[in-house]
Amino acid sequence: MSSVTISPETQVVDHDKRRQAVWIILAGTFLVAVAQLLIKTGANRLGHADLIGTVIGIFTIPPLFAGYCLYAIFAVMMVYALRHGELSVLFPLISLGFVWVAILSVIVFHEAMNPMKAAGIAIIVAGVAVLGRGGSH
């Protein structure tokens, strides 16, 4: 029997492409937040729909459909970004979507911002900053 040795493909680190990947994910987090707002708006129009009614609503209620389309766009952006960025740096950035949702919910839906929410936002931002500094350079 012969054994075949497969060596991992050596990748050249392109710092500009890594930086671009970070910006793509950051833009994507805002896109996902807008998607969440659209989904919430569309879900409010569903009323007391059952599971089948909800599935139909996804395709017939424009804000709901648009929200899920934005999720699809983000998925494509993420695949593109992951080609050049580090997963351990990019994936924590996605949690910034929670920050955008909290802020936009206050602006769009007039939800209350209390000290606990503000503290949670600060912790998420601090956590992303710490994880981002831990990426290889």
C-alpha atoms as a PDB file:
ATOM      1  CA  MET A   1       0.000   0.000   0.000  1.00  0.00           C
ATOM      2  CA  SER A   2       1.233   3.417  -0.776  1.00  0.00           C
ATOM      3  CA  SER A   3       0.606   6.373   1.396  1.00  0.00           C
ATOM      4  CA  VAL A   4      -0.058   9.772  -0.001  1.00  0.00           C
ATOM      5  CA  THR A   5       0.934  12.789   1.994  1.00  0.00           C
ATOM      6  CA  ILE A   6      -1.275  15.800   1.543  1.00  0.00           C
ATOM      7  CA  SER A   7       0.195  19.015   2.774  1.00  0.00           C
ATOM      8  CA  PRO A   8      -2.092  21.877   3.690  1.00  0.00           C
ATOM      9  CA  GLU A   9      -2.242  24.665   1.192  1.00  0.00           C
ATOM     10  CA  THR A  10      -0.011  27.535   2.223  1.00  0.00           C
ATOM     11  CA  GLN A  11      -1.875  30.812   2.177  1.00  0.00           C
ATOM     12  CA  VAL A  12      -0.193  34.140   1.784  1.00  0.00           C
ATOM     13  CA  VAL A  13      -1.591  36.658   4.238  1.00  0.00           C
ATOM     14  CA  ASP A  14      -2.885  39.756   2.499  1.00  0.00           C
ATOM     15  CA  HIS A  15      -3.422  42.380   5.198  1.00  0.00           C
ATOM     16  CA  ASP A  16      -5.482  44.603   2.902  1.00  0.00           C
ATOM     17  CA  LYS A  17      -7.879  41.747   2.162  1.00  0.00           C
ATOM     18  CA  ARG A  18      -8.128  40.912   5.878  1.00  0.00           C
ATOM     19  CA  ARG A  19      -8.981  44.534   6.598  1.00  0.00           C
ATOM     20  CA  GLN A  20     -11.527  44.486   3.786  1.00  0.00           C
ATOM     21  CA  ALA A  21     -13.059  41.322   5.278  1.00  0.00           C
ATOM     22  CA  VAL A  22     -13.494  43.099   8.614  1.00  0.00           C
ATOM     23  CA  TRP A  23     -15.218  46.053   6.936  1.00  0.00           C
ATOM     24  CA  ILE A  24     -17.489  43.730   4.980  1.00  0.00           C
ATOM     25  CA  ILE A  25     -18.568  41.980   8.173  1.00  0.00           C
ATOM     26  CA  LEU A  26     -19.053  45.315   9.978  1.00  0.00           C
ATOM     27  CA  ALA A  27     -21.286  46.537   7.142  1.00  0.00           C
ATOM     28  CA  GLY A  28     -23.049  43.191   7.262  1.00  0.00           C
ATOM     29  CA  THR A  29     -23.841  43.606  10.953  1.00  0.00           C
ATOM     30  CA  PHE A  30     -25.727  46.794  10.160  1.00  0.00           C
ATOM     31  CA  LEU A  31     -27.461  45.027   7.268  1.00  0.00           C
ATOM     32  CA  VAL A  32     -28.551  42.237   9.615  1.00  0.00           C
ATOM     33  CA  ALA A  33     -29.884  44.807  12.088  1.00  0.00           C
ATOM     34  CA  VAL A  34     -31.980  46.401   9.349  1.00  0.00           C
ATOM     35  CA  ALA A  35     -33.145  42.902   8.397  1.00  0.00           C
ATOM     36  CA  GLN A  36     -34.258  42.319  11.990  1.00  0.00           C
ATOM     37  CA  LEU A  37     -36.245  45.560  11.990  1.00  0.00           C
ATOM     38  CA  LEU A  38     -37.939  44.570   8.746  1.00  0.00           C
ATOM     39  CA  ILE A  39     -38.707  41.102  10.073  1.00  0.00           C
ATOM     40  CA  LYS A  40     -40.186  42.603  13.241  1.00  0.00           C
ATOM     41  CA  THR A  41     -42.302  44.996  11.165  1.00  0.00           C
ATOM     42  CA  GLY A  42     -43.500  42.156   8.953  1.00  0.00           C
ATOM     43  CA  ALA A  43     -44.115  39.828  11.907  1.00  0.00           C
ATOM     44  CA  ASN A  44     -46.388  42.456  13.456  1.00  0.00           C
ATOM     45  CA  ARG A  45     -48.546  42.175  10.328  1.00  0.00           C
ATOM     46  CA  LEU A  46     -48.939  38.408  10.711  1.00  0.00           C
ATOM     47  CA  GLY A  47     -51.477  38.696  13.495  1.00  0.00           C
ATOM     48  CA  HIS A  48     -52.365  35.269  14.876  1.00  0.00           C
ATOM     49  CA  ALA A  49     -51.094  33.237  11.937  1.00  0.00           C
ATOM     50  CA  ASP A  50     -50.305  29.564  12.447  1.00  0.00           C
ATOM     51  CA  LEU A  51     -47.135  27.933  11.101  1.00  0.00           C
ATOM     52  CA  ILE A  52     -48.442  27.673   7.523  1.00  0.00           C
ATOM     53  CA  GLY A  53     -49.698  31.265   7.647  1.00  0.00           C
ATOM     54  CA  THR A  54     -46.292  32.387   8.861  1.00  0.00           C
ATOM     55  CA  VAL A  55     -44.527  30.609   5.994  1.00  0.00           C
ATOM     56  CA  ILE A  56     -46.928  32.158   3.497  1.00  0.00           C
ATOM     57  CA  GLY A  57     -46.430  35.530   5.170  1.00  0.00           C
ATOM     58  CA  ILE A  58     -42.690  35.362   4.614  1.00  0.00           C
ATOM     59  CA  PHE A  59     -43.371  35.415   0.872  1.00  0.00           C
ATOM     60  CA  THR A  60     -46.376  37.761   0.839  1.00  0.00           C
ATOM     61  CA  ILE A  61     -45.552  40.464   3.397  1.00  0.00           C
ATOM     62  CA  PRO A  62     -42.959  42.766   1.782  1.00  0.00           C
ATOM     63  CA  PRO A  63     -41.030  43.806   4.940  1.00  0.00           C
ATOM     64  CA  LEU A  64     -40.786  40.187   6.076  1.00  0.00           C
ATOM     65  CA  PHE A  65     -39.588  39.051   2.660  1.00  0.00           C
ATOM     66  CA  ALA A  66     -37.120  41.956   2.417  1.00  0.00           C
ATOM     67  CA  GLY A  67     -35.703  41.133   5.847  1.00  0.00           C
ATOM     68  CA  TYR A  68     -34.965  37.569   4.855  1.00  0.00           C
ATOM     69  CA  CYS A  69     -33.486  38.734   1.551  1.00  0.00           C
ATOM     70  CA  LEU A  70     -31.090  40.952   3.511  1.00  0.00           C
ATOM     71  CA  TYR A  71     -30.096  37.906   5.547  1.00  0.00           C
ATOM     72  CA  ALA A  72     -29.277  36.123   2.282  1.00  0.00           C
ATOM     73  CA  ILE A  73     -27.163  39.065   1.139  1.00  0.00           C
ATOM     74  CA  PHE A  74     -25.322  38.995   4.465  1.00  0.00           C
ATOM     75  CA  ALA A  75     -24.661  35.264   4.034  1.00  0.00           C
ATOM     76  CA  VAL A  76     -23.004  35.963   0.678  1.00  0.00           C
ATOM     77  CA  MET A  77     -20.983  38.816   2.214  1.00  0.00           C
ATOM     78  CA  MET A  78     -19.867  36.526   5.018  1.00  0.00           C
ATOM     79  CA  VAL A  79     -18.694  33.802   2.642  1.00  0.00           C
ATOM     80  CA  TYR A  80     -16.731  36.381   0.705  1.00  0.00           C
ATOM     81  CA  ALA A  81     -15.189  37.852   3.873  1.00  0.00           C
ATOM     82  CA  LEU A  82     -14.294  34.449   5.311  1.00  0.00           C
ATOM     83  CA  ARG A  83     -12.129  33.706   2.287  1.00  0.00           C
ATOM     84  CA  HIS A  84      -9.582  36.251   3.517  1.00  0.00           C
ATOM     85  CA  GLY A  85     -10.275  36.915   7.180  1.00  0.00           C
ATOM     86  CA  GLU A  86      -9.796  34.952  10.357  1.00  0.00           C
ATOM     87  CA  LEU A  87     -12.920  33.231  11.627  1.00  0.00           C
ATOM     88  CA  SER A  88     -11.883  33.933  15.228  1.00  0.00           C
ATOM     89  CA  VAL A  89     -11.845  37.666  14.457  1.00  0.00           C
ATOM     90  CA  LEU A  90     -14.772  37.960  12.048  1.00  0.00           C
ATOM     91  CA  PHE A  91     -17.332  35.848  13.859  1.00  0.00           C
ATOM     92  CA  PRO A  92     -17.267  37.857  17.114  1.00  0.00           C
ATOM     93  CA  LEU A  93     -17.843  40.995  15.022  1.00  0.00           C
ATOM     94  CA  ILE A  94     -21.237  39.591  14.080  1.00  0.00           C
ATOM     95  CA  SER A  95     -22.333  40.166  17.676  1.00  0.00           C
ATOM     96  CA  LEU A  96     -22.247  43.883  16.883  1.00  0.00           C
ATOM     97  CA  GLY A  97     -25.549  43.221  15.126  1.00  0.00           C
ATOM     98  CA  PHE A  98     -27.086  43.023  18.612  1.00  0.00           C
ATOM     99  CA  VAL A  99     -25.737  46.493  19.320  1.00  0.00           C
ATOM    100  CA  TRP A 100     -27.224  47.914  16.116  1.00  0.00           C
ATOM    101  CA  VAL A 101     -30.573  46.234  16.802  1.00  0.00           C
ATOM    102  CA  ALA A 102     -30.735  47.693  20.311  1.00  0.00           C
ATOM    103  CA  ILE A 103     -29.918  51.186  19.079  1.00  0.00           C
ATOM    104  CA  LEU A 104     -32.210  51.052  16.050  1.00  0.00           C
ATOM    105  CA  SER A 105     -35.054  49.622  18.135  1.00  0.00           C
ATOM    106  CA  VAL A 106     -34.896  52.690  20.334  1.00  0.00           C
ATOM    107  CA  ILE A 107     -34.945  54.967  17.278  1.00  0.00           C
ATOM    108  CA  VAL A 108     -37.483  53.120  15.104  1.00  0.00           C
ATOM    109  CA  PHE A 109     -39.789  51.377  17.592  1.00  0.00           C
ATOM    110  CA  HIS A 110     -39.267  53.827  20.479  1.00  0.00           C
ATOM    111  CA  GLU A 111     -38.212  51.016  22.799  1.00  0.00           C
ATOM    112  CA  ALA A 112     -36.707  52.043  26.122  1.00  0.00           C
ATOM    113  CA  MET A 113     -32.948  52.107  26.618  1.00  0.00           C
ATOM    114  CA  ASN A 114     -32.286  51.330  30.261  1.00  0.00           C
ATOM    115  CA  PRO A 115     -28.959  51.062  32.095  1.00  0.00           C
ATOM    116  CA  MET A 116     -28.913  47.262  31.778  1.00  0.00           C
ATOM    117  CA  LYS A 117     -29.259  47.429  27.991  1.00  0.00           C
ATOM    118  CA  ALA A 118     -26.588  50.127  27.826  1.00  0.00           C
ATOM    119  CA  ALA A 119     -24.282  47.974  29.967  1.00  0.00           C
ATOM    120  CA  GLY A 120     -24.916  44.987  27.707  1.00  0.00           C
ATOM    121  CA  ILE A 121     -24.038  47.054  24.650  1.00  0.00           C
ATOM    122  CA  ALA A 122     -20.833  48.241  26.337  1.00  0.00           C
ATOM    123  CA  ILE A 123     -19.881  44.659  27.250  1.00  0.00           C
ATOM    124  CA  ILE A 124     -20.469  43.434  23.677  1.00  0.00           C
ATOM    125  CA  VAL A 125     -18.388  46.263  22.209  1.00  0.00           C
ATOM    126  CA  ALA A 126     -15.603  45.688  24.752  1.00  0.00           C
ATOM    127  CA  GLY A 127     -15.649  41.936  24.066  1.00  0.00           C
ATOM    128  CA  VAL A 128     -15.414  42.451  20.309  1.00  0.00           C
ATOM    129  CA  ALA A 129     -12.540  44.890  20.814  1.00  0.00           C
ATOM    130  CA  VAL A 130     -10.638  42.422  22.999  1.00  0.00           C
ATOM    131  CA  LEU A 131     -11.206  39.516  20.596  1.00  0.00           C
ATOM    132  CA  GLY A 132     -10.254  41.668  17.618  1.00  0.00           C
ATOM    133  CA  ARG A 133      -6.945  42.568  19.217  1.00  0.00           C
ATOM    134  CA  GLY A 134      -6.230  38.871  19.620  1.00  0.00           C
ATOM    135  CA  GLY A 135      -6.109  38.194  15.890  1.00  0.00           C
ATOM    136  CA  SER A 136      -2.816  37.274  14.276  1.00  0.00           C
ATOM    137  CA  HIS A 137      -1.016  40.095  12.555  1.00  0.00           C
END
